[in-house]
């Protein structure tokens, strides 16, 4: 599975609006994608998530740091870098996360589950909501 994982990593790290047409090379037709905001099944729905990412954010990109491969599955650690369009558009934001991927016999993703802390990695960076999130975190003793 290592060549398939390398192809997947390359796809994510070079993802552009134009390369979304190649999602079928990476995802199985009935693949499931789940993250803190989405839980969808099927190639069109998964492509829609990535298309929305390019519509909503400036210069989104993934940088994969680690790959752990075990048979037909792997875990990737990554940084997602982007700029908000309406809030500090000149400031690059970074979300740290990981993805558990299950692959079929052709090396295509059948399950893509992203793990990242939406409160710390996203909400705390937003005006108004960020202040509330930091206050709550401090109040419960995790900050």
N, C-alpha and C. Protein backbone atom coordinates (compact mmCIF):
# COMPACT_ATOMS: atom_id res chain seq x y z
N UNK A 1 0.81 -1.21 0.00
CA UNK A 1 0.00 0.00 0.00
C UNK A 1 0.85 1.27 0.00
N UNK A 2 2.14 1.18 0.22
CA UNK A 2 2.97 2.39 0.31
C UNK A 2 2.90 3.24 -0.95
N UNK A 3 2.98 2.66 -2.17
CA UNK A 3 2.84 3.53 -3.36
C UNK A 3 1.48 4.24 -3.40
N UNK A 4 0.42 3.57 -2.99
CA UNK A 4 -0.90 4.20 -2.98
C UNK A 4 -0.91 5.34 -1.98
N UNK A 5 -0.32 5.14 -0.81
CA UNK A 5 -0.28 6.20 0.21
C UNK A 5 0.53 7.39 -0.30
N UNK A 6 1.62 7.14 -0.96
CA UNK A 6 2.42 8.25 -1.51
C UNK A 6 1.64 9.01 -2.57
N UNK A 7 0.85 8.31 -3.39
CA UNK A 7 0.01 8.98 -4.38
C UNK A 7 -1.05 9.84 -3.69
N UNK A 8 -1.63 9.32 -2.61
CA UNK A 8 -2.64 10.06 -1.86
C UNK A 8 -2.02 11.32 -1.24
N UNK A 9 -0.85 11.17 -0.61
CA UNK A 9 -0.17 12.31 0.00
C UNK A 9 0.14 13.37 -1.06
N UNK A 10 0.65 12.95 -2.19
CA UNK A 10 0.96 13.88 -3.28
C UNK A 10 -0.30 14.61 -3.74
N UNK A 11 -1.41 13.89 -3.84
CA UNK A 11 -2.67 14.50 -4.24
C UNK A 11 -3.07 15.60 -3.27
N UNK A 12 -3.04 15.29 -1.96
CA UNK A 12 -3.44 16.29 -0.96
C UNK A 12 -2.50 17.49 -0.94
N UNK A 13 -1.21 17.25 -1.06
CA UNK A 13 -0.26 18.35 -0.96
C UNK A 13 -0.25 19.25 -2.20
N UNK A 14 -0.78 18.77 -3.31
CA UNK A 14 -0.82 19.57 -4.54
C UNK A 14 -2.24 19.89 -4.98
N UNK A 15 -3.19 19.73 -4.07
CA UNK A 15 -4.60 19.92 -4.38
C UNK A 15 -4.88 21.35 -4.86
N UNK A 16 -5.59 21.44 -5.98
CA UNK A 16 -6.03 22.71 -6.55
C UNK A 16 -7.47 22.54 -7.01
N UNK A 17 -8.17 23.63 -7.30
CA UNK A 17 -9.53 23.47 -7.84
C UNK A 17 -9.54 22.61 -9.12
N UNK A 18 -8.50 22.73 -9.92
CA UNK A 18 -8.44 21.96 -11.16
C UNK A 18 -8.20 20.47 -10.92
N UNK A 19 -7.46 20.13 -9.87
CA UNK A 19 -7.15 18.72 -9.64
C UNK A 19 -8.30 17.97 -8.96
N UNK A 20 -9.36 18.67 -8.58
CA UNK A 20 -10.50 18.00 -7.97
C UNK A 20 -11.13 16.97 -8.91
N UNK A 21 -10.97 17.17 -10.20
CA UNK A 21 -11.50 16.21 -11.18
C UNK A 21 -10.82 14.84 -11.03
N UNK A 22 -9.66 14.80 -10.36
CA UNK A 22 -8.93 13.54 -10.17
C UNK A 22 -9.30 12.83 -8.88
N UNK A 23 -10.29 13.32 -8.15
CA UNK A 23 -10.68 12.69 -6.88
C UNK A 23 -11.00 11.21 -7.05
N UNK A 24 -11.55 10.82 -8.20
CA UNK A 24 -11.88 9.42 -8.45
C UNK A 24 -10.67 8.52 -8.51
N UNK A 25 -9.49 9.08 -8.71
CA UNK A 25 -8.25 8.29 -8.67
C UNK A 25 -7.84 8.00 -7.23
N UNK A 26 -8.29 8.83 -6.31
CA UNK A 26 -7.87 8.75 -4.91
C UNK A 26 -8.97 8.13 -4.03
N UNK A 27 -10.24 8.46 -4.33
CA UNK A 27 -11.37 7.98 -3.53
C UNK A 27 -12.16 6.95 -4.29
N UNK A 28 -12.63 5.92 -3.59
CA UNK A 28 -13.57 4.95 -4.17
C UNK A 28 -14.91 5.67 -4.38
N UNK A 29 -15.73 5.21 -5.33
CA UNK A 29 -16.98 5.90 -5.64
C UNK A 29 -17.92 6.09 -4.44
N UNK A 30 -17.94 5.12 -3.52
CA UNK A 30 -18.85 5.21 -2.37
C UNK A 30 -18.11 5.54 -1.07
N UNK A 31 -16.96 6.20 -1.17
CA UNK A 31 -16.15 6.53 0.00
C UNK A 31 -16.92 7.41 0.98
N UNK A 32 -16.52 7.31 2.24
CA UNK A 32 -17.10 8.15 3.30
C UNK A 32 -16.02 9.12 3.78
N UNK A 33 -16.43 10.38 3.98
CA UNK A 33 -15.54 11.42 4.52
C UNK A 33 -16.21 12.00 5.76
N UNK A 34 -15.45 12.04 6.87
CA UNK A 34 -15.98 12.61 8.10
C UNK A 34 -14.91 13.49 8.75
N UNK A 35 -15.33 14.69 9.14
CA UNK A 35 -14.48 15.60 9.91
C UNK A 35 -15.38 16.32 10.92
N UNK A 36 -14.86 17.29 11.69
CA UNK A 36 -15.72 17.93 12.69
C UNK A 36 -16.96 18.64 12.12
N UNK A 37 -16.99 18.92 10.82
CA UNK A 37 -18.11 19.65 10.23
C UNK A 37 -18.92 18.84 9.22
N UNK A 38 -18.39 17.75 8.72
CA UNK A 38 -19.02 17.02 7.62
C UNK A 38 -19.05 15.53 7.91
N UNK A 39 -20.04 14.87 7.35
CA UNK A 39 -20.11 13.42 7.33
C UNK A 39 -20.87 13.06 6.06
N UNK A 40 -20.13 12.77 4.99
CA UNK A 40 -20.73 12.55 3.68
C UNK A 40 -20.25 11.24 3.09
N UNK A 41 -20.99 10.76 2.11
CA UNK A 41 -20.62 9.55 1.39
C UNK A 41 -20.76 9.82 -0.10
N UNK A 42 -19.80 9.31 -0.85
CA UNK A 42 -19.84 9.41 -2.30
C UNK A 42 -18.91 10.48 -2.85
N UNK A 43 -18.39 10.20 -4.01
CA UNK A 43 -17.42 11.08 -4.65
C UNK A 43 -17.93 12.49 -4.89
N UNK A 44 -19.14 12.70 -5.40
CA UNK A 44 -19.61 14.08 -5.61
C UNK A 44 -19.65 14.90 -4.31
N UNK A 45 -20.09 14.28 -3.21
CA UNK A 45 -20.16 15.00 -1.92
C UNK A 45 -18.77 15.34 -1.41
N UNK A 46 -17.83 14.43 -1.58
CA UNK A 46 -16.46 14.68 -1.13
C UNK A 46 -15.84 15.80 -1.97
N UNK A 47 -16.03 15.75 -3.27
CA UNK A 47 -15.53 16.83 -4.13
C UNK A 47 -16.15 18.17 -3.73
N UNK A 48 -17.41 18.15 -3.33
CA UNK A 48 -18.08 19.37 -2.91
C UNK A 48 -17.45 19.99 -1.68
N UNK A 49 -16.99 19.16 -0.75
CA UNK A 49 -16.31 19.68 0.45
C UNK A 49 -15.03 20.41 0.05
N UNK A 50 -14.25 19.79 -0.82
CA UNK A 50 -13.00 20.43 -1.26
C UNK A 50 -13.29 21.68 -2.08
N UNK A 51 -14.31 21.65 -2.92
CA UNK A 51 -14.66 22.83 -3.71
C UNK A 51 -15.05 23.98 -2.78
N UNK A 52 -15.82 23.70 -1.76
CA UNK A 52 -16.21 24.72 -0.79
C UNK A 52 -14.97 25.29 -0.09
N UNK A 53 -14.01 24.44 0.21
CA UNK A 53 -12.76 24.90 0.83
C UNK A 53 -12.09 25.96 -0.04
N UNK A 54 -12.02 25.71 -1.33
CA UNK A 54 -11.38 26.67 -2.24
C UNK A 54 -12.21 27.93 -2.41
N UNK A 55 -13.51 27.82 -2.29
CA UNK A 55 -14.39 28.99 -2.40
C UNK A 55 -14.32 29.85 -1.14
N UNK A 56 -14.24 29.22 0.02
CA UNK A 56 -14.34 29.94 1.29
C UNK A 56 -13.02 30.49 1.80
N UNK A 57 -11.89 29.94 1.35
CA UNK A 57 -10.59 30.31 1.91
C UNK A 57 -9.60 30.74 0.83
N UNK A 58 -8.63 31.54 1.23
CA UNK A 58 -7.52 31.91 0.35
C UNK A 58 -6.39 30.90 0.52
N UNK A 59 -5.85 30.43 -0.57
CA UNK A 59 -4.64 29.61 -0.61
C UNK A 59 -4.63 28.42 0.35
N UNK A 60 -5.69 27.61 0.39
CA UNK A 60 -5.66 26.45 1.28
C UNK A 60 -4.67 25.40 0.77
N UNK A 61 -3.92 24.82 1.71
CA UNK A 61 -2.99 23.75 1.32
C UNK A 61 -2.69 22.85 2.50
N UNK A 62 -2.41 21.59 2.19
CA UNK A 62 -2.07 20.60 3.19
C UNK A 62 -0.58 20.30 3.13
N UNK A 63 0.03 20.15 4.29
CA UNK A 63 1.42 19.72 4.40
C UNK A 63 1.41 18.48 5.28
N UNK A 64 1.71 17.33 4.68
CA UNK A 64 1.70 16.06 5.41
C UNK A 64 3.07 15.87 6.05
N UNK A 65 3.07 15.56 7.34
CA UNK A 65 4.33 15.39 8.08
C UNK A 65 4.69 13.94 8.33
N UNK A 66 3.73 13.12 8.70
CA UNK A 66 4.01 11.73 9.05
C UNK A 66 3.02 10.80 8.36
N UNK A 67 3.49 9.59 8.08
CA UNK A 67 2.65 8.55 7.50
C UNK A 67 2.87 7.29 8.31
N UNK A 68 1.81 6.70 8.81
CA UNK A 68 1.89 5.40 9.49
C UNK A 68 1.01 4.47 8.68
N UNK A 69 1.62 3.45 8.08
CA UNK A 69 0.89 2.54 7.20
C UNK A 69 0.85 1.17 7.84
N UNK A 70 -0.33 0.57 7.87
CA UNK A 70 -0.51 -0.78 8.39
C UNK A 70 -1.53 -1.49 7.50
N UNK A 71 -1.04 -2.32 6.62
CA UNK A 71 -1.92 -3.04 5.70
C UNK A 71 -2.72 -2.06 4.86
N UNK A 72 -4.06 -2.24 4.79
CA UNK A 72 -4.89 -1.38 3.93
C UNK A 72 -5.38 -0.10 4.62
N UNK A 73 -4.63 0.37 5.61
CA UNK A 73 -5.01 1.63 6.24
C UNK A 73 -3.77 2.42 6.61
N UNK A 74 -3.98 3.70 6.82
CA UNK A 74 -2.86 4.55 7.23
C UNK A 74 -3.38 5.71 8.05
N UNK A 75 -2.47 6.34 8.75
CA UNK A 75 -2.76 7.55 9.50
C UNK A 75 -1.75 8.60 9.08
N UNK A 76 -2.25 9.77 8.70
CA UNK A 76 -1.41 10.88 8.28
C UNK A 76 -1.52 12.00 9.30
N UNK A 77 -0.40 12.61 9.66
CA UNK A 77 -0.46 13.85 10.43
C UNK A 77 -0.15 14.97 9.46
N UNK A 78 -0.83 16.11 9.63
CA UNK A 78 -0.72 17.19 8.65
C UNK A 78 -0.97 18.54 9.31
N UNK A 79 -0.56 19.57 8.56
CA UNK A 79 -0.95 20.94 8.83
C UNK A 79 -1.79 21.40 7.65
N UNK A 80 -2.85 22.10 7.95
CA UNK A 80 -3.69 22.72 6.93
C UNK A 80 -3.47 24.22 7.05
N UNK A 81 -2.91 24.81 6.02
CA UNK A 81 -2.60 26.23 6.03
C UNK A 81 -3.56 26.95 5.08
N UNK A 82 -4.02 28.14 5.51
CA UNK A 82 -4.97 28.91 4.72
C UNK A 82 -5.01 30.32 5.26
N UNK A 83 -5.72 31.18 4.53
CA UNK A 83 -6.03 32.53 5.01
C UNK A 83 -7.54 32.72 4.91
N UNK A 84 -8.12 33.32 5.97
CA UNK A 84 -9.53 33.67 5.90
C UNK A 84 -9.73 34.75 4.85
N UNK A 85 -10.87 34.76 4.19
CA UNK A 85 -11.14 35.80 3.19
C UNK A 85 -11.57 37.11 3.83
N UNK A 86 -12.27 37.06 4.97
CA UNK A 86 -12.81 38.28 5.55
C UNK A 86 -12.21 38.66 6.90
N UNK A 87 -11.38 37.84 7.48
CA UNK A 87 -10.80 38.11 8.79
C UNK A 87 -9.29 37.96 8.70
N UNK A 88 -8.57 39.05 8.88
CA UNK A 88 -7.11 39.06 8.75
C UNK A 88 -6.65 38.30 7.49
N UNK A 89 -7.08 38.75 6.32
CA UNK A 89 -6.77 38.00 5.09
C UNK A 89 -5.28 37.88 4.79
N UNK A 90 -4.46 38.71 5.39
CA UNK A 90 -3.01 38.62 5.16
C UNK A 90 -2.30 37.69 6.11
N UNK A 91 -3.03 37.09 7.06
CA UNK A 91 -2.41 36.24 8.08
C UNK A 91 -2.68 34.77 7.76
N UNK A 92 -1.62 34.00 7.63
CA UNK A 92 -1.77 32.57 7.39
C UNK A 92 -2.16 31.87 8.69
N UNK A 93 -3.21 31.07 8.61
CA UNK A 93 -3.69 30.27 9.74
C UNK A 93 -3.22 28.84 9.54
N UNK A 94 -3.04 28.12 10.63
CA UNK A 94 -2.62 26.72 10.55
C UNK A 94 -3.48 25.88 11.48
N UNK A 95 -4.01 24.80 10.95
CA UNK A 95 -4.74 23.81 11.72
C UNK A 95 -3.89 22.54 11.71
N UNK A 96 -3.64 21.98 12.89
CA UNK A 96 -2.87 20.74 13.02
C UNK A 96 -3.87 19.59 13.16
N UNK A 97 -3.67 18.54 12.40
CA UNK A 97 -4.62 17.45 12.48
C UNK A 97 -4.06 16.14 11.98
N UNK A 98 -4.94 15.16 11.90
CA UNK A 98 -4.57 13.84 11.42
C UNK A 98 -5.73 13.22 10.68
N UNK A 99 -5.41 12.29 9.80
CA UNK A 99 -6.42 11.59 9.00
C UNK A 99 -6.20 10.09 9.09
N UNK A 100 -7.28 9.37 9.40
CA UNK A 100 -7.26 7.91 9.32
C UNK A 100 -7.88 7.55 7.98
N UNK A 101 -7.16 6.81 7.17
CA UNK A 101 -7.63 6.41 5.85
C UNK A 101 -7.69 4.90 5.76
N UNK A 102 -8.80 4.37 5.26
CA UNK A 102 -8.89 2.95 4.93
C UNK A 102 -8.94 2.86 3.41
N UNK A 103 -8.17 1.92 2.86
CA UNK A 103 -8.01 1.81 1.41
C UNK A 103 -8.57 0.49 0.90
N UNK A 104 -9.08 0.52 -0.34
CA UNK A 104 -9.55 -0.70 -0.97
C UNK A 104 -8.38 -1.41 -1.66
N UNK A 105 -8.66 -2.51 -2.35
CA UNK A 105 -7.62 -3.29 -3.00
C UNK A 105 -6.90 -2.51 -4.10
N UNK A 106 -7.53 -1.47 -4.66
CA UNK A 106 -6.90 -0.63 -5.69
C UNK A 106 -6.13 0.54 -5.09
N UNK A 107 -6.12 0.65 -3.76
CA UNK A 107 -5.41 1.73 -3.10
C UNK A 107 -6.20 3.02 -3.02
N UNK A 108 -7.51 2.96 -3.28
CA UNK A 108 -8.36 4.14 -3.18
C UNK A 108 -8.96 4.24 -1.79
N UNK A 109 -9.22 5.44 -1.34
CA UNK A 109 -9.76 5.68 -0.01
C UNK A 109 -11.23 5.27 0.04
N UNK A 110 -11.57 4.42 1.02
CA UNK A 110 -12.96 4.06 1.26
C UNK A 110 -13.50 4.78 2.50
N UNK A 111 -12.61 5.12 3.43
CA UNK A 111 -12.99 5.88 4.62
C UNK A 111 -11.90 6.91 4.88
N UNK A 112 -12.30 8.15 5.01
CA UNK A 112 -11.39 9.26 5.32
C UNK A 112 -11.96 9.96 6.55
N UNK A 113 -11.31 9.80 7.68
CA UNK A 113 -11.77 10.40 8.93
C UNK A 113 -10.71 11.36 9.42
N UNK A 114 -11.06 12.66 9.47
CA UNK A 114 -10.14 13.69 9.94
C UNK A 114 -10.36 13.95 11.42
N UNK A 115 -9.24 14.13 12.13
CA UNK A 115 -9.26 14.45 13.55
C UNK A 115 -8.51 15.75 13.76
N UNK A 116 -9.22 16.74 14.28
CA UNK A 116 -8.60 18.00 14.67
C UNK A 116 -9.56 18.72 15.61
N UNK A 117 -9.00 19.58 16.44
CA UNK A 117 -9.77 20.26 17.47
C UNK A 117 -10.33 21.56 16.90
N UNK A 118 -11.62 21.55 16.56
CA UNK A 118 -12.25 22.73 15.95
C UNK A 118 -12.21 23.93 16.89
N UNK A 119 -12.36 23.70 18.19
CA UNK A 119 -12.34 24.83 19.14
C UNK A 119 -10.98 25.50 19.16
N UNK A 120 -9.93 24.72 19.37
CA UNK A 120 -8.59 25.30 19.48
C UNK A 120 -8.04 25.76 18.14
N UNK A 121 -8.25 24.97 17.13
CA UNK A 121 -7.61 25.24 15.85
C UNK A 121 -8.37 26.24 14.98
N UNK A 122 -9.66 26.45 15.24
CA UNK A 122 -10.42 27.34 14.38
C UNK A 122 -11.19 28.40 15.17
N UNK A 123 -12.07 27.98 16.05
CA UNK A 123 -12.93 28.94 16.75
C UNK A 123 -12.15 29.96 17.56
N UNK A 124 -11.05 29.55 18.22
CA UNK A 124 -10.28 30.48 19.03
C UNK A 124 -9.63 31.58 18.20
N UNK A 125 -9.55 31.39 16.90
CA UNK A 125 -8.92 32.37 16.02
C UNK A 125 -9.91 33.40 15.49
N UNK A 126 -11.19 33.21 15.74
CA UNK A 126 -12.21 34.11 15.21
C UNK A 126 -12.56 35.19 16.22
N UNK A 127 -12.87 36.41 15.74
CA UNK A 127 -13.27 37.46 16.68
C UNK A 127 -14.56 37.06 17.39
N UNK A 128 -14.77 37.56 18.55
CA UNK A 128 -15.93 37.31 19.40
C UNK A 128 -15.98 35.84 19.84
N UNK A 129 -16.12 34.93 18.93
CA UNK A 129 -16.19 33.51 19.28
C UNK A 129 -14.89 33.08 19.94
N UNK A 130 -13.76 33.57 19.41
CA UNK A 130 -12.46 33.20 19.95
C UNK A 130 -12.30 33.60 21.40
N UNK A 131 -12.71 34.82 21.73
CA UNK A 131 -12.62 35.26 23.12
C UNK A 131 -13.45 34.40 24.04
N UNK A 132 -14.65 34.05 23.62
CA UNK A 132 -15.52 33.18 24.41
C UNK A 132 -14.88 31.80 24.58
N UNK A 133 -14.34 31.24 23.51
CA UNK A 133 -13.73 29.91 23.58
C UNK A 133 -12.53 29.91 24.53
N UNK A 134 -11.70 30.95 24.46
CA UNK A 134 -10.53 31.03 25.36
C UNK A 134 -10.99 31.18 26.80
N UNK A 135 -12.05 31.96 27.05
CA UNK A 135 -12.57 32.15 28.40
C UNK A 135 -13.10 30.83 28.94
N UNK A 136 -13.88 30.12 28.12
CA UNK A 136 -14.42 28.82 28.54
C UNK A 136 -13.31 27.82 28.85
N UNK A 137 -12.31 27.79 27.99
CA UNK A 137 -11.19 26.90 28.18
C UNK A 137 -10.48 27.18 29.50
N UNK A 138 -10.31 28.46 29.81
CA UNK A 138 -9.68 28.87 31.06
C UNK A 138 -10.55 28.48 32.26
N UNK A 139 -11.86 28.67 32.12
CA UNK A 139 -12.79 28.39 33.22
C UNK A 139 -12.84 26.90 33.56
N UNK A 140 -12.72 26.03 32.58
CA UNK A 140 -12.76 24.60 32.87
C UNK A 140 -11.38 24.04 33.19
N UNK A 141 -10.37 24.93 33.16
CA UNK A 141 -9.04 24.53 33.59
C UNK A 141 -8.20 23.80 32.57
N UNK A 142 -8.52 23.92 31.28
CA UNK A 142 -7.71 23.27 30.25
C UNK A 142 -6.80 24.27 29.56
N UNK A 143 -6.82 25.51 29.93
CA UNK A 143 -6.02 26.51 29.25
C UNK A 143 -4.92 26.91 30.04
